[in-house]
Amino acid sequence: MPGSDAVKRTTLRSQIADALREEVIAGRLPAGRQFTVKEIAESYGVSATPVREALLDLCSQGLLHVELHKGYRVREFSYADFLAMVEARTMMLEGMFRHATEQALGAATPAVLASVRRRAEEASRAANAGDLDILIGYDLRFWREFAALVGNPYISDFLDRVRVQCWVFMVPLLRRVGDLRGRLWCGHVEMVEALARREGGAVQRIITGYNTHALTLIRSLTG
């Protein structure tokens, strides 16, 4: 069919970008790691074009740097970067619910709440178990759906980007901890329950606690 090659390439580009993003978040492509388009293309058994496009997508998300004549390098985030990320995340989340609480509460229909609750339960379960790899995926999905309640895709996209970058910084530090049980934030279900009760103030307090927990945890691991 006309355009089918373009569709296949776009889909492949998206699949490669998603796979590489997971590798970066999980730390399997660690900060500072350099690689070329050829290396990735050979690894995935695909042509260079969709790989190059996928890598540029990750550059635009702030996860990679292009290095002239060298290829690409996984971005290294500093502690100062992390503090700035959490500050930005706090301002966006608290501001979002301060100005759009009624809209978010109104968008939380039974069907939407059921979907968000499923993500929340899985994320909380993984956090309580100290299962970092499982937590990351469900945590990102949970917050993506939660932020979407305000109906502003620009806010949702920005928050998702910052949250991914936060995980990229945090994961190497968290992997040094032998047992993460009881140390990871697990308030996802509490957040959904507050939303279901239409308690906007409680939602904002939980968000504040979420950001405070992240700062306290990382300070304890970097101090």
C-alpha atoms as a PDB file:
ATOM      1  CA  MET A   1       0.000   0.000   0.000  1.00  0.00           C
ATOM      2  CA  PRO A   2       1.184   3.582  -0.644  1.00  0.00           C
ATOM      3  CA  GLY A   3       3.155   4.899   2.296  1.00  0.00           C
ATOM      4  CA  SER A   4       3.466   1.518   3.981  1.00  0.00           C
ATOM      5  CA  ASP A   5       7.276   1.716   4.023  1.00  0.00           C
ATOM      6  CA  ALA A   6       7.106   5.091   5.756  1.00  0.00           C
ATOM      7  CA  VAL A   7       4.669   3.708   8.342  1.00  0.00           C
ATOM      8  CA  LYS A   8       6.924   0.711   9.003  1.00  0.00           C
ATOM      9  CA  ARG A   9       9.950   2.971   9.419  1.00  0.00           C
ATOM     10  CA  THR A  10       8.072   5.274  11.796  1.00  0.00           C
ATOM     11  CA  THR A  11       6.919   2.305  13.856  1.00  0.00           C
ATOM     12  CA  LEU A  12      10.435   0.858  13.929  1.00  0.00           C
ATOM     13  CA  ARG A  13      11.837   4.231  14.933  1.00  0.00           C
ATOM     14  CA  SER A  14       9.364   4.405  17.819  1.00  0.00           C
ATOM     15  CA  GLN A  15      10.113   0.842  18.925  1.00  0.00           C
ATOM     16  CA  ILE A  16      13.857   1.444  18.909  1.00  0.00           C
ATOM     17  CA  ALA A  17      13.469   4.733  20.777  1.00  0.00           C
ATOM     18  CA  ASP A  18      11.293   3.058  23.431  1.00  0.00           C
ATOM     19  CA  ALA A  19      13.752   0.163  23.815  1.00  0.00           C
ATOM     20  CA  LEU A  20      16.761   2.454  24.137  1.00  0.00           C
ATOM     21  CA  ARG A  21      14.941   4.718  26.590  1.00  0.00           C
ATOM     22  CA  GLU A  22      14.267   1.701  28.786  1.00  0.00           C
ATOM     23  CA  GLU A  23      17.954   0.736  28.565  1.00  0.00           C
ATOM     24  CA  VAL A  24      18.993   4.236  29.663  1.00  0.00           C
ATOM     25  CA  ILE A  25      16.465   4.426  32.519  1.00  0.00           C
ATOM     26  CA  ALA A  26      17.432   0.973  33.793  1.00  0.00           C
ATOM     27  CA  GLY A  27      21.116   1.899  33.685  1.00  0.00           C
ATOM     28  CA  ARG A  28      22.021  -0.786  31.171  1.00  0.00           C
ATOM     29  CA  LEU A  29      23.177   2.079  28.949  1.00  0.00           C
ATOM     30  CA  PRO A  30      24.938   3.974  31.755  1.00  0.00           C
ATOM     31  CA  ALA A  31      25.646   7.683  31.953  1.00  0.00           C
ATOM     32  CA  GLY A  32      28.632   8.650  29.843  1.00  0.00           C
ATOM     33  CA  ARG A  33      28.423   5.570  27.603  1.00  0.00           C
ATOM     34  CA  GLN A  34      29.367   6.355  23.988  1.00  0.00           C
ATOM     35  CA  PHE A  35      28.067   4.484  20.954  1.00  0.00           C
ATOM     36  CA  THR A  36      27.451   4.907  17.245  1.00  0.00           C
ATOM     37  CA  VAL A  37      24.454   4.475  14.963  1.00  0.00           C
ATOM     38  CA  LYS A  38      26.175   1.461  13.406  1.00  0.00           C
ATOM     39  CA  GLU A  39      26.637  -0.216  16.791  1.00  0.00           C
ATOM     40  CA  ILE A  40      22.953   0.141  17.685  1.00  0.00           C
ATOM     41  CA  ALA A  41      21.765  -0.847  14.216  1.00  0.00           C
ATOM     42  CA  GLU A  42      23.823  -4.030  14.332  1.00  0.00           C
ATOM     43  CA  SER A  43      22.606  -4.772  17.856  1.00  0.00           C
ATOM     44  CA  TYR A  44      18.953  -4.574  16.781  1.00  0.00           C
ATOM     45  CA  GLY A  45      19.492  -6.021  13.316  1.00  0.00           C
ATOM     46  CA  VAL A  46      17.982  -3.033  11.504  1.00  0.00           C
ATOM     47  CA  SER A  47      19.106  -0.356   9.055  1.00  0.00           C
ATOM     48  CA  ALA A  48      20.778   2.852  10.158  1.00  0.00           C
ATOM     49  CA  THR A  49      17.953   5.251   9.244  1.00  0.00           C
ATOM     50  CA  PRO A  50      15.358   4.361  11.926  1.00  0.00           C
ATOM     51  CA  VAL A  51      18.143   4.068  14.498  1.00  0.00           C
ATOM     52  CA  ARG A  52      19.460   7.536  13.683  1.00  0.00           C
ATOM     53  CA  GLU A  53      15.925   8.951  13.926  1.00  0.00           C
ATOM     54  CA  ALA A  54      15.313   7.157  17.240  1.00  0.00           C
ATOM     55  CA  LEU A  55      18.569   8.492  18.693  1.00  0.00           C
ATOM     56  CA  LEU A  56      17.630  12.024  17.676  1.00  0.00           C
ATOM     57  CA  ASP A  57      14.307  11.535  19.462  1.00  0.00           C
ATOM     58  CA  LEU A  58      16.186  10.627  22.642  1.00  0.00           C
ATOM     59  CA  CYS A  59      18.421  13.660  22.188  1.00  0.00           C
ATOM     60  CA  SER A  60      15.327  15.864  22.049  1.00  0.00           C
ATOM     61  CA  GLN A  61      14.168  14.240  25.321  1.00  0.00           C
ATOM     62  CA  GLY A  62      17.435  15.225  26.989  1.00  0.00           C
ATOM     63  CA  LEU A  63      18.724  11.671  27.424  1.00  0.00           C
ATOM     64  CA  LEU A  64      21.536  11.667  24.845  1.00  0.00           C
ATOM     65  CA  HIS A  65      24.141  14.077  23.488  1.00  0.00           C
ATOM     66  CA  VAL A  66      25.369  14.129  19.901  1.00  0.00           C
ATOM     67  CA  GLU A  67      29.167  14.174  19.769  1.00  0.00           C
ATOM     68  CA  LEU A  68      30.752  15.348  16.543  1.00  0.00           C
ATOM     69  CA  HIS A  69      32.623  12.504  14.772  1.00  0.00           C
ATOM     70  CA  LYS A  70      32.070  10.261  17.811  1.00  0.00           C
ATOM     71  CA  GLY A  71      28.403   9.350  17.692  1.00  0.00           C
ATOM     72  CA  TYR A  72      26.191   9.630  20.772  1.00  0.00           C
ATOM     73  CA  ARG A  73      26.723   9.674  24.515  1.00  0.00           C
ATOM     74  CA  VAL A  74      24.275   8.995  27.342  1.00  0.00           C
ATOM     75  CA  ARG A  75      23.754  12.218  29.244  1.00  0.00           C
ATOM     76  CA  GLU A  76      25.206  12.490  32.727  1.00  0.00           C
ATOM     77  CA  PHE A  77      22.982  14.247  35.273  1.00  0.00           C
ATOM     78  CA  SER A  78      24.489  15.854  38.362  1.00  0.00           C
ATOM     79  CA  TYR A  79      22.990  16.212  41.828  1.00  0.00           C
ATOM     80  CA  ALA A  80      22.357  19.881  41.012  1.00  0.00           C
ATOM     81  CA  ASP A  81      20.463  18.744  37.905  1.00  0.00           C
ATOM     82  CA  PHE A  82      18.354  16.421  40.060  1.00  0.00           C
ATOM     83  CA  LEU A  83      17.498  19.208  42.508  1.00  0.00           C
ATOM     84  CA  ALA A  84      16.417  21.391  39.591  1.00  0.00           C
ATOM     85  CA  MET A  85      14.319  18.528  38.160  1.00  0.00           C
ATOM     86  CA  VAL A  86      12.479  17.979  41.436  1.00  0.00           C
ATOM     87  CA  GLU A  87      11.931  21.712  41.836  1.00  0.00           C
ATOM     88  CA  ALA A  88      10.450  21.898  38.322  1.00  0.00           C
ATOM     89  CA  ARG A  89       8.348  18.784  38.948  1.00  0.00           C
ATOM     90  CA  THR A  90       7.063  20.203  42.237  1.00  0.00           C
ATOM     91  CA  MET A  91       6.123  23.548  40.727  1.00  0.00           C
ATOM     92  CA  MET A  92       4.349  21.931  37.788  1.00  0.00           C
ATOM     93  CA  LEU A  93       2.424  19.319  39.794  1.00  0.00           C
ATOM     94  CA  GLU A  94       1.390  21.629  42.611  1.00  0.00           C
ATOM     95  CA  GLY A  95       0.534  24.434  40.199  1.00  0.00           C
ATOM     96  CA  MET A  96      -1.357  22.050  37.954  1.00  0.00           C
ATOM     97  CA  PHE A  97      -3.664  20.888  40.717  1.00  0.00           C
ATOM     98  CA  ARG A  98      -3.957  24.309  42.301  1.00  0.00           C
ATOM     99  CA  HIS A  99      -5.350  25.793  39.096  1.00  0.00           C
ATOM    100  CA  ALA A 100      -7.065  22.763  37.555  1.00  0.00           C
ATOM    101  CA  THR A 101      -8.256  20.722  40.526  1.00  0.00           C
ATOM    102  CA  GLU A 102     -11.912  20.779  39.527  1.00  0.00           C
ATOM    103  CA  GLN A 103     -11.060  19.849  35.962  1.00  0.00           C
ATOM    104  CA  ALA A 104      -8.884  16.938  37.103  1.00  0.00           C
ATOM    105  CA  LEU A 105     -11.491  15.733  39.586  1.00  0.00           C
ATOM    106  CA  GLY A 106     -14.176  15.973  36.932  1.00  0.00           C
ATOM    107  CA  ALA A 107     -12.073  13.945  34.493  1.00  0.00           C
ATOM    108  CA  ALA A 108     -11.633  11.185  37.064  1.00  0.00           C
ATOM    109  CA  THR A 109     -14.559   9.079  35.860  1.00  0.00           C
ATOM    110  CA  PRO A 110     -15.011   5.526  37.223  1.00  0.00           C
ATOM    111  CA  ALA A 111     -13.396   4.072  34.079  1.00  0.00           C
ATOM    112  CA  VAL A 112     -10.401   6.439  34.289  1.00  0.00           C
ATOM    113  CA  LEU A 113     -10.010   5.824  38.019  1.00  0.00           C
ATOM    114  CA  ALA A 114     -10.055   2.067  37.460  1.00  0.00           C
ATOM    115  CA  SER A 115      -7.204   2.345  34.953  1.00  0.00           C
ATOM    116  CA  VAL A 116      -5.140   4.676  37.147  1.00  0.00           C
ATOM    117  CA  ARG A 117      -5.809   2.471  40.182  1.00  0.00           C
ATOM    118  CA  ARG A 118      -4.437  -0.587  38.381  1.00  0.00           C
ATOM    119  CA  ARG A 119      -1.203   1.275  37.670  1.00  0.00           C
ATOM    120  CA  ALA A 120      -1.146   2.542  41.251  1.00  0.00           C
ATOM    121  CA  GLU A 121      -1.585  -0.897  42.788  1.00  0.00           C
ATOM    122  CA  GLU A 122       1.191  -2.424  40.690  1.00  0.00           C
ATOM    123  CA  ALA A 123       3.525   0.507  41.383  1.00  0.00           C
ATOM    124  CA  SER A 124       2.845   0.407  45.129  1.00  0.00           C
ATOM    125  CA  ARG A 125       3.321  -3.369  45.206  1.00  0.00           C
ATOM    126  CA  ALA A 126       6.683  -3.090  43.420  1.00  0.00           C
ATOM    127  CA  ALA A 127       7.797  -0.223  45.668  1.00  0.00           C
ATOM    128  CA  ASN A 128       6.943  -2.116  48.844  1.00  0.00           C
ATOM    129  CA  ALA A 129       8.796  -5.155  47.511  1.00  0.00           C
ATOM    130  CA  GLY A 130      11.823  -3.052  46.599  1.00  0.00           C
ATOM    131  CA  ASP A 131      11.552  -4.229  42.971  1.00  0.00           C
ATOM    132  CA  LEU A 132      13.067  -1.256  41.186  1.00  0.00           C
ATOM    133  CA  ASP A 133      12.780  -2.500  37.603  1.00  0.00           C
ATOM    134  CA  ILE A 134       9.069  -3.286  37.928  1.00  0.00           C
ATOM    135  CA  LEU A 135       8.399  -0.055  39.800  1.00  0.00           C
ATOM    136  CA  ILE A 136       9.891   2.229  37.157  1.00  0.00           C
ATOM    137  CA  GLY A 137       7.573   1.079  34.383  1.00  0.00           C
ATOM    138  CA  TYR A 138       4.390   1.243  36.448  1.00  0.00           C
ATOM    139  CA  ASP A 139       5.406   4.500  38.143  1.00  0.00           C
ATOM    140  CA  LEU A 140       5.915   6.230  34.794  1.00  0.00           C
ATOM    141  CA  ARG A 141       2.593   4.922  33.473  1.00  0.00           C
ATOM    142  CA  PHE A 142       0.797   5.937  36.662  1.00  0.00           C
ATOM    143  CA  TRP A 143       2.025   9.521  36.591  1.00  0.00           C
ATOM    144  CA  ARG A 144       1.434   9.776  32.845  1.00  0.00           C
ATOM    145  CA  GLU A 145      -2.219   8.856  33.291  1.00  0.00           C
ATOM    146  CA  PHE A 146      -2.559  10.951  36.430  1.00  0.00           C
ATOM    147  CA  ALA A 147      -1.162  14.087  34.794  1.00  0.00           C
ATOM    148  CA  ALA A 148      -3.389  13.548  31.760  1.00  0.00           C
ATOM    149  CA  LEU A 149      -6.429  14.248  33.955  1.00  0.00           C
ATOM    150  CA  VAL A 150      -5.882  17.989  33.593  1.00  0.00           C
ATOM    151  CA  GLY A 151      -6.300  17.675  29.829  1.00  0.00           C
ATOM    152  CA  ASN A 152      -3.149  19.588  28.886  1.00  0.00           C
ATOM    153  CA  PRO A 153      -0.792  17.395  26.809  1.00  0.00           C
ATOM    154  CA  TYR A 154       2.062  19.917  27.073  1.00  0.00           C
ATOM    155  CA  ILE A 155       2.053  19.631  30.857  1.00  0.00           C
ATOM    156  CA  SER A 156       1.817  15.839  30.683  1.00  0.00           C
ATOM    157  CA  ASP A 157       4.710  15.601  28.206  1.00  0.00           C
ATOM    158  CA  PHE A 158       6.903  17.944  30.242  1.00  0.00           C
ATOM    159  CA  LEU A 159       6.281  16.061  33.480  1.00  0.00           C
ATOM    160  CA  ASP A 160       6.943  12.713  31.825  1.00  0.00           C
ATOM    161  CA  ARG A 161      10.238  13.974  30.427  1.00  0.00           C
ATOM    162  CA  VAL A 162      11.361  15.313  33.823  1.00  0.00           C
ATOM    163  CA  ARG A 163      10.291  12.137  35.600  1.00  0.00           C
ATOM    164  CA  VAL A 164      12.255   9.973  33.166  1.00  0.00           C
ATOM    165  CA  GLN A 165      15.334  12.136  33.731  1.00  0.00           C
ATOM    166  CA  CYS A 166      14.866  11.838  37.510  1.00  0.00           C
ATOM    167  CA  TRP A 167      14.870   8.046  37.238  1.00  0.00           C
ATOM    168  CA  VAL A 168      17.993   8.125  35.047  1.00  0.00           C
ATOM    169  CA  PHE A 169      19.808  10.000  37.814  1.00  0.00           C
ATOM    170  CA  MET A 170      18.353   7.973  40.694  1.00  0.00           C
ATOM    171  CA  VAL A 171      18.659   4.408  39.402  1.00  0.00           C
ATOM    172  CA  PRO A 172      22.478   4.035  39.661  1.00  0.00           C
ATOM    173  CA  LEU A 173      22.322   5.302  43.253  1.00  0.00           C
ATOM    174  CA  LEU A 174      19.412   3.049  44.175  1.00  0.00           C
ATOM    175  CA  ARG A 175      21.118  -0.026  42.708  1.00  0.00           C
ATOM    176  CA  ARG A 176      23.888   0.373  45.266  1.00  0.00           C
ATOM    177  CA  VAL A 177      21.382  -0.281  48.062  1.00  0.00           C
ATOM    178  CA  GLY A 178      21.169  -3.933  48.976  1.00  0.00           C
ATOM    179  CA  ASP A 179      17.520  -3.942  50.020  1.00  0.00           C
ATOM    180  CA  LEU A 180      15.121  -1.242  48.841  1.00  0.00           C
ATOM    181  CA  ARG A 181      12.080  -2.530  50.702  1.00  0.00           C
ATOM    182  CA  GLY A 182      10.536   0.304  52.693  1.00  0.00           C
ATOM    183  CA  ARG A 183      12.707   2.960  51.060  1.00  0.00           C
ATOM    184  CA  LEU A 184      10.829   3.669  47.829  1.00  0.00           C
ATOM    185  CA  TRP A 185       7.804   5.967  47.603  1.00  0.00           C
ATOM    186  CA  CYS A 186       4.629   3.881  47.553  1.00  0.00           C
ATOM    187  CA  GLY A 187       1.823   6.438  47.867  1.00  0.00           C
ATOM    188  CA  HIS A 188       0.270   5.747  44.467  1.00  0.00           C
ATOM    189  CA  VAL A 189      -2.863   4.041  45.807  1.00  0.00           C
ATOM    190  CA  GLU A 190      -3.323   6.703  48.498  1.00  0.00           C
ATOM    191  CA  MET A 191      -3.243   9.297  45.715  1.00  0.00           C
ATOM    192  CA  VAL A 192      -5.939   7.528  43.699  1.00  0.00           C
ATOM    193  CA  GLU A 193      -8.126   7.106  46.764  1.00  0.00           C
ATOM    194  CA  ALA A 194      -7.881  10.836  47.528  1.00  0.00           C
ATOM    195  CA  LEU A 195      -8.791  11.557  43.927  1.00  0.00           C
ATOM    196  CA  ALA A 196     -11.768   9.184  44.082  1.00  0.00           C
ATOM    197  CA  ARG A 197     -13.012  11.015  47.202  1.00  0.00           C
ATOM    198  CA  ARG A 198     -12.663  14.310  45.298  1.00  0.00           C
ATOM    199  CA  GLU A 199     -10.255  15.630  47.941  1.00  0.00           C
ATOM    200  CA  GLY A 200      -8.097  18.047  45.994  1.00  0.00           C
ATOM    201  CA  GLY A 201      -6.265  19.252  49.090  1.00  0.00           C
ATOM    202  CA  ALA A 202      -5.275  15.716  50.023  1.00  0.00           C
ATOM    203  CA  VAL A 203      -3.984  15.116  46.494  1.00  0.00           C
ATOM    204  CA  GLN A 204      -1.765  18.192  46.744  1.00  0.00           C
ATOM    205  CA  ARG A 205      -0.433  17.127  50.163  1.00  0.00           C
ATOM    206  CA  ILE A 206       0.458  13.686  48.810  1.00  0.00           C
ATOM    207  CA  ILE A 207       2.244  15.264  45.839  1.00  0.00           C
ATOM    208  CA  THR A 208       4.263  17.437  48.225  1.00  0.00           C
ATOM    209  CA  GLY A 209       5.155  14.355  50.261  1.00  0.00           C
ATOM    210  CA  TYR A 210       6.176  12.521  47.089  1.00  0.00           C
ATOM    211  CA  ASN A 211       8.661  15.210  46.108  1.00  0.00           C
ATOM    212  CA  THR A 212       9.979  15.561  49.658  1.00  0.00           C
ATOM    213  CA  HIS A 213      10.544  11.797  49.813  1.00  0.00           C
ATOM    214  CA  ALA A 214      12.588  11.855  46.586  1.00  0.00           C
ATOM    215  CA  LEU A 215      14.857  14.621  47.903  1.00  0.00           C
ATOM    216  CA  THR A 216      15.311  12.981  51.316  1.00  0.00           C
ATOM    217  CA  LEU A 217      16.096   9.586  49.798  1.00  0.00           C
ATOM    218  CA  ILE A 218      18.702  10.870  47.357  1.00  0.00           C
ATOM    219  CA  ARG A 219      20.338  13.084  49.998  1.00  0.00           C
ATOM    220  CA  SER A 220      20.737   9.992  52.162  1.00  0.00           C
ATOM    221  CA  LEU A 221      22.476   8.192  49.296  1.00  0.00           C
ATOM    222  CA  THR A 222      24.753  11.047  48.244  1.00  0.00           C
ATOM    223  CA  GLY A 223      25.606  12.523  51.628  1.00  0.00           C
END
